């Protein structure tokens, strides 16, 4: 996954702060590199799939809240995803 492309898409789609976009993109890259999404959910984590999953979060959520919402869902369904959370003060 190209982090710079992800940062650009996150900025365009969710109007996040630069700090928030960079934090989410780092965690997304780490998650992609871990191979967990592909192994457990049978799809590759790409810029498109990341943006799509974040778009499912409640509309009033900011980018970091959306990311943590999705990671929380993965934690509930599969476990051991908390290490991919982003600090909420970066919202």
N, C-alpha and C. Protein backbone atom coordinates (compact mmCIF):
# COMPACT_ATOMS: atom_id res chain seq x y z
N UNK A 1 0.84 -1.18 0.00
CA UNK A 1 0.00 0.00 0.00
C UNK A 1 0.89 1.24 0.00
N UNK A 2 0.58 2.17 -0.85
CA UNK A 2 1.32 3.42 -0.96
C UNK A 2 0.79 4.41 0.07
N UNK A 3 1.61 4.70 1.09
CA UNK A 3 1.17 5.58 2.19
C UNK A 3 0.85 6.99 1.70
N UNK A 4 1.65 7.52 0.80
CA UNK A 4 1.40 8.89 0.32
C UNK A 4 0.08 8.97 -0.44
N UNK A 5 -0.21 7.96 -1.23
CA UNK A 5 -1.49 7.92 -1.94
C UNK A 5 -2.63 7.81 -0.93
N UNK A 6 -2.44 7.01 0.11
CA UNK A 6 -3.47 6.88 1.13
C UNK A 6 -3.69 8.21 1.86
N UNK A 7 -2.62 8.90 2.22
CA UNK A 7 -2.76 10.21 2.89
C UNK A 7 -3.57 11.15 2.02
N UNK A 8 -3.26 11.20 0.74
CA UNK A 8 -3.99 12.07 -0.19
C UNK A 8 -5.48 11.72 -0.24
N UNK A 9 -5.78 10.43 -0.35
CA UNK A 9 -7.19 10.00 -0.40
C UNK A 9 -7.91 10.31 0.92
N UNK A 10 -7.23 10.05 2.04
CA UNK A 10 -7.85 10.32 3.35
C UNK A 10 -8.16 11.81 3.50
N UNK A 11 -7.22 12.66 3.07
CA UNK A 11 -7.45 14.11 3.12
C UNK A 11 -8.64 14.50 2.26
N UNK A 12 -8.72 13.94 1.06
CA UNK A 12 -9.81 14.26 0.14
C UNK A 12 -11.16 13.74 0.61
N UNK A 13 -11.19 12.54 1.14
CA UNK A 13 -12.45 11.90 1.52
C UNK A 13 -12.97 12.34 2.88
N UNK A 14 -12.06 12.58 3.83
CA UNK A 14 -12.49 12.78 5.21
C UNK A 14 -12.05 14.10 5.83
N UNK A 15 -11.40 14.97 5.06
CA UNK A 15 -11.01 16.30 5.53
C UNK A 15 -10.34 16.25 6.90
N UNK A 16 -9.35 15.43 7.03
CA UNK A 16 -8.66 15.24 8.30
C UNK A 16 -7.49 16.21 8.43
N UNK A 17 -7.00 16.32 9.65
CA UNK A 17 -5.75 17.06 9.87
C UNK A 17 -4.61 16.25 9.26
N UNK A 18 -3.53 16.94 8.94
CA UNK A 18 -2.37 16.24 8.38
C UNK A 18 -1.85 15.21 9.37
N UNK A 19 -1.82 15.58 10.64
CA UNK A 19 -1.34 14.67 11.68
C UNK A 19 -2.22 13.42 11.76
N UNK A 20 -3.54 13.59 11.69
CA UNK A 20 -4.45 12.46 11.73
C UNK A 20 -4.30 11.56 10.52
N UNK A 21 -4.19 12.15 9.34
CA UNK A 21 -4.02 11.36 8.11
C UNK A 21 -2.74 10.57 8.12
N UNK A 22 -1.67 11.18 8.58
CA UNK A 22 -0.39 10.48 8.64
C UNK A 22 -0.41 9.35 9.66
N UNK A 23 -1.05 9.58 10.81
CA UNK A 23 -1.13 8.53 11.83
C UNK A 23 -1.95 7.34 11.33
N UNK A 24 -3.09 7.62 10.70
CA UNK A 24 -3.93 6.55 10.17
C UNK A 24 -3.20 5.82 9.05
N UNK A 25 -2.51 6.56 8.19
CA UNK A 25 -1.81 5.89 7.08
C UNK A 25 -0.68 5.01 7.59
N UNK A 26 0.00 5.42 8.66
CA UNK A 26 1.06 4.56 9.24
C UNK A 26 0.46 3.27 9.78
N UNK A 27 -0.65 3.39 10.48
CA UNK A 27 -1.27 2.20 11.04
C UNK A 27 -1.84 1.31 9.94
N UNK A 28 -2.40 1.93 8.91
CA UNK A 28 -2.94 1.15 7.79
C UNK A 28 -1.81 0.39 7.10
N UNK A 29 -0.69 1.04 6.92
CA UNK A 29 0.46 0.37 6.30
C UNK A 29 0.95 -0.79 7.17
N UNK A 30 1.02 -0.55 8.49
CA UNK A 30 1.42 -1.63 9.41
C UNK A 30 0.43 -2.80 9.35
N UNK A 31 -0.86 -2.46 9.29
CA UNK A 31 -1.89 -3.50 9.20
C UNK A 31 -1.76 -4.27 7.90
N UNK A 32 -1.54 -3.56 6.80
CA UNK A 32 -1.36 -4.22 5.50
C UNK A 32 -0.13 -5.13 5.53
N UNK A 33 0.97 -4.62 6.08
CA UNK A 33 2.20 -5.40 6.14
C UNK A 33 2.06 -6.64 7.02
N UNK A 34 1.18 -6.58 8.01
CA UNK A 34 0.99 -7.73 8.90
C UNK A 34 0.34 -8.91 8.19
N UNK A 35 -0.38 -8.65 7.10
CA UNK A 35 -1.05 -9.71 6.35
C UNK A 35 -2.30 -10.25 7.02
N UNK A 36 -2.72 -9.65 8.12
CA UNK A 36 -3.87 -10.17 8.86
C UNK A 36 -5.18 -10.03 8.10
N UNK A 37 -5.39 -8.92 7.43
CA UNK A 37 -6.65 -8.73 6.69
C UNK A 37 -6.77 -9.78 5.60
N UNK A 38 -5.70 -9.97 4.87
CA UNK A 38 -5.72 -10.95 3.79
C UNK A 38 -5.94 -12.36 4.33
N UNK A 39 -5.28 -12.69 5.43
CA UNK A 39 -5.39 -14.04 6.00
C UNK A 39 -6.76 -14.28 6.63
N UNK A 40 -7.30 -13.29 7.31
CA UNK A 40 -8.54 -13.49 8.05
C UNK A 40 -9.80 -13.11 7.28
N UNK A 41 -9.68 -12.13 6.40
CA UNK A 41 -10.87 -11.65 5.69
C UNK A 41 -10.81 -11.89 4.19
N UNK A 42 -9.70 -12.43 3.71
CA UNK A 42 -9.56 -12.85 2.32
C UNK A 42 -9.65 -11.70 1.31
N UNK A 43 -9.11 -10.53 1.67
CA UNK A 43 -8.93 -9.47 0.68
C UNK A 43 -7.68 -8.68 1.04
N UNK A 44 -7.10 -8.06 0.05
CA UNK A 44 -5.89 -7.27 0.25
C UNK A 44 -6.27 -5.89 0.78
N UNK A 45 -5.54 -5.41 1.76
CA UNK A 45 -5.77 -4.06 2.27
C UNK A 45 -5.06 -3.08 1.35
N UNK A 46 -5.83 -2.32 0.62
CA UNK A 46 -5.32 -1.34 -0.34
C UNK A 46 -5.85 0.03 0.05
N UNK A 47 -5.45 1.03 -0.69
CA UNK A 47 -5.99 2.38 -0.46
C UNK A 47 -7.51 2.34 -0.61
N UNK A 48 -7.98 1.71 -1.66
CA UNK A 48 -9.43 1.65 -1.92
C UNK A 48 -10.19 0.92 -0.83
N UNK A 49 -9.69 -0.25 -0.41
CA UNK A 49 -10.41 -1.01 0.62
C UNK A 49 -10.35 -0.30 1.97
N UNK A 50 -9.27 0.39 2.24
CA UNK A 50 -9.18 1.16 3.49
C UNK A 50 -10.21 2.27 3.49
N UNK A 51 -10.26 3.06 2.43
CA UNK A 51 -11.21 4.17 2.34
C UNK A 51 -12.64 3.63 2.41
N UNK A 52 -12.92 2.53 1.74
CA UNK A 52 -14.25 1.93 1.76
C UNK A 52 -14.66 1.52 3.17
N UNK A 53 -13.76 0.88 3.89
CA UNK A 53 -14.08 0.47 5.26
C UNK A 53 -14.30 1.67 6.17
N UNK A 54 -13.50 2.71 6.00
CA UNK A 54 -13.67 3.90 6.84
C UNK A 54 -14.96 4.65 6.50
N UNK A 55 -15.40 4.56 5.26
CA UNK A 55 -16.65 5.21 4.86
C UNK A 55 -17.87 4.58 5.51
N UNK A 56 -17.72 3.35 6.01
CA UNK A 56 -18.83 2.67 6.68
C UNK A 56 -19.08 3.18 8.10
N UNK A 57 -18.13 3.89 8.65
CA UNK A 57 -18.27 4.41 10.03
C UNK A 57 -19.35 5.50 10.06
N UNK A 58 -19.87 5.80 11.24
CA UNK A 58 -20.87 6.87 11.36
C UNK A 58 -20.38 8.18 10.73
N UNK A 59 -21.27 8.85 10.02
CA UNK A 59 -20.92 10.04 9.25
C UNK A 59 -20.34 11.17 10.10
N UNK A 60 -20.75 11.25 11.34
CA UNK A 60 -20.28 12.36 12.18
C UNK A 60 -18.86 12.12 12.72
N UNK A 61 -18.29 10.96 12.50
CA UNK A 61 -16.95 10.65 12.99
C UNK A 61 -15.89 11.30 12.12
N UNK A 62 -14.84 11.78 12.76
CA UNK A 62 -13.66 12.25 12.07
C UNK A 62 -12.82 11.05 11.63
N UNK A 63 -11.73 11.32 10.95
CA UNK A 63 -10.90 10.24 10.40
C UNK A 63 -10.37 9.29 11.47
N UNK A 64 -9.76 9.81 12.52
CA UNK A 64 -9.20 8.94 13.55
C UNK A 64 -10.30 8.13 14.21
N UNK A 65 -11.44 8.76 14.47
CA UNK A 65 -12.57 8.02 15.06
C UNK A 65 -13.04 6.92 14.11
N UNK A 66 -13.09 7.23 12.82
CA UNK A 66 -13.49 6.22 11.83
C UNK A 66 -12.51 5.04 11.85
N UNK A 67 -11.22 5.35 11.86
CA UNK A 67 -10.20 4.29 11.88
C UNK A 67 -10.38 3.42 13.13
N UNK A 68 -10.47 4.07 14.28
CA UNK A 68 -10.60 3.32 15.53
C UNK A 68 -11.91 2.54 15.60
N UNK A 69 -12.96 3.06 14.99
CA UNK A 69 -14.23 2.35 14.91
C UNK A 69 -14.04 1.05 14.12
N UNK A 70 -13.37 1.15 12.98
CA UNK A 70 -13.13 -0.04 12.16
C UNK A 70 -12.21 -1.03 12.88
N UNK A 71 -11.15 -0.52 13.48
CA UNK A 71 -10.24 -1.40 14.23
C UNK A 71 -10.98 -2.06 15.39
N UNK A 72 -11.87 -1.31 16.04
CA UNK A 72 -12.68 -1.89 17.12
C UNK A 72 -13.57 -3.02 16.61
N UNK A 73 -14.12 -2.85 15.42
CA UNK A 73 -14.94 -3.91 14.82
C UNK A 73 -14.11 -5.15 14.53
N UNK A 74 -12.91 -4.95 14.03
CA UNK A 74 -12.01 -6.07 13.77
C UNK A 74 -11.61 -6.75 15.08
N UNK A 75 -11.40 -5.95 16.12
CA UNK A 75 -11.05 -6.49 17.43
C UNK A 75 -12.17 -7.38 17.95
N UNK A 76 -13.40 -6.91 17.82
CA UNK A 76 -14.54 -7.69 18.29
C UNK A 76 -14.72 -8.99 17.51
N UNK A 77 -14.54 -8.93 16.22
CA UNK A 77 -14.80 -10.10 15.39
C UNK A 77 -13.63 -11.09 15.33
N UNK A 78 -12.39 -10.59 15.43
CA UNK A 78 -11.23 -11.47 15.23
C UNK A 78 -10.20 -11.41 16.36
N UNK A 79 -10.21 -10.35 17.14
CA UNK A 79 -9.25 -10.20 18.24
C UNK A 79 -7.87 -9.77 17.79
N UNK A 80 -7.13 -9.20 18.72
CA UNK A 80 -5.73 -8.80 18.53
C UNK A 80 -5.51 -7.73 17.46
N UNK A 81 -6.44 -6.77 17.39
CA UNK A 81 -6.26 -5.65 16.47
C UNK A 81 -6.00 -4.33 17.21
N UNK A 82 -6.05 -4.33 18.53
CA UNK A 82 -5.89 -3.09 19.29
C UNK A 82 -4.56 -2.39 19.03
N UNK A 83 -3.54 -3.13 18.68
CA UNK A 83 -2.24 -2.49 18.45
C UNK A 83 -2.25 -1.56 17.23
N UNK A 84 -3.30 -1.63 16.43
CA UNK A 84 -3.41 -0.78 15.25
C UNK A 84 -4.23 0.49 15.50
N UNK A 85 -4.70 0.69 16.72
CA UNK A 85 -5.47 1.89 17.06
C UNK A 85 -4.60 3.13 16.96
N UNK A 86 -5.25 4.27 16.77
CA UNK A 86 -4.58 5.56 16.74
C UNK A 86 -5.05 6.35 17.95
N UNK A 87 -4.13 7.05 18.59
CA UNK A 87 -4.50 7.89 19.74
C UNK A 87 -5.60 8.87 19.33
N UNK A 88 -6.59 8.97 20.17
CA UNK A 88 -7.76 9.82 19.85
C UNK A 88 -7.43 11.31 19.89
N UNK A 89 -6.35 11.72 20.50
CA UNK A 89 -6.00 13.15 20.54
C UNK A 89 -5.45 13.65 19.20
N UNK A 90 -5.33 12.76 18.22
CA UNK A 90 -4.88 13.15 16.89
C UNK A 90 -6.05 13.47 15.95
N UNK A 91 -7.26 13.45 16.48
CA UNK A 91 -8.45 13.66 15.65
C UNK A 91 -8.50 15.02 15.02
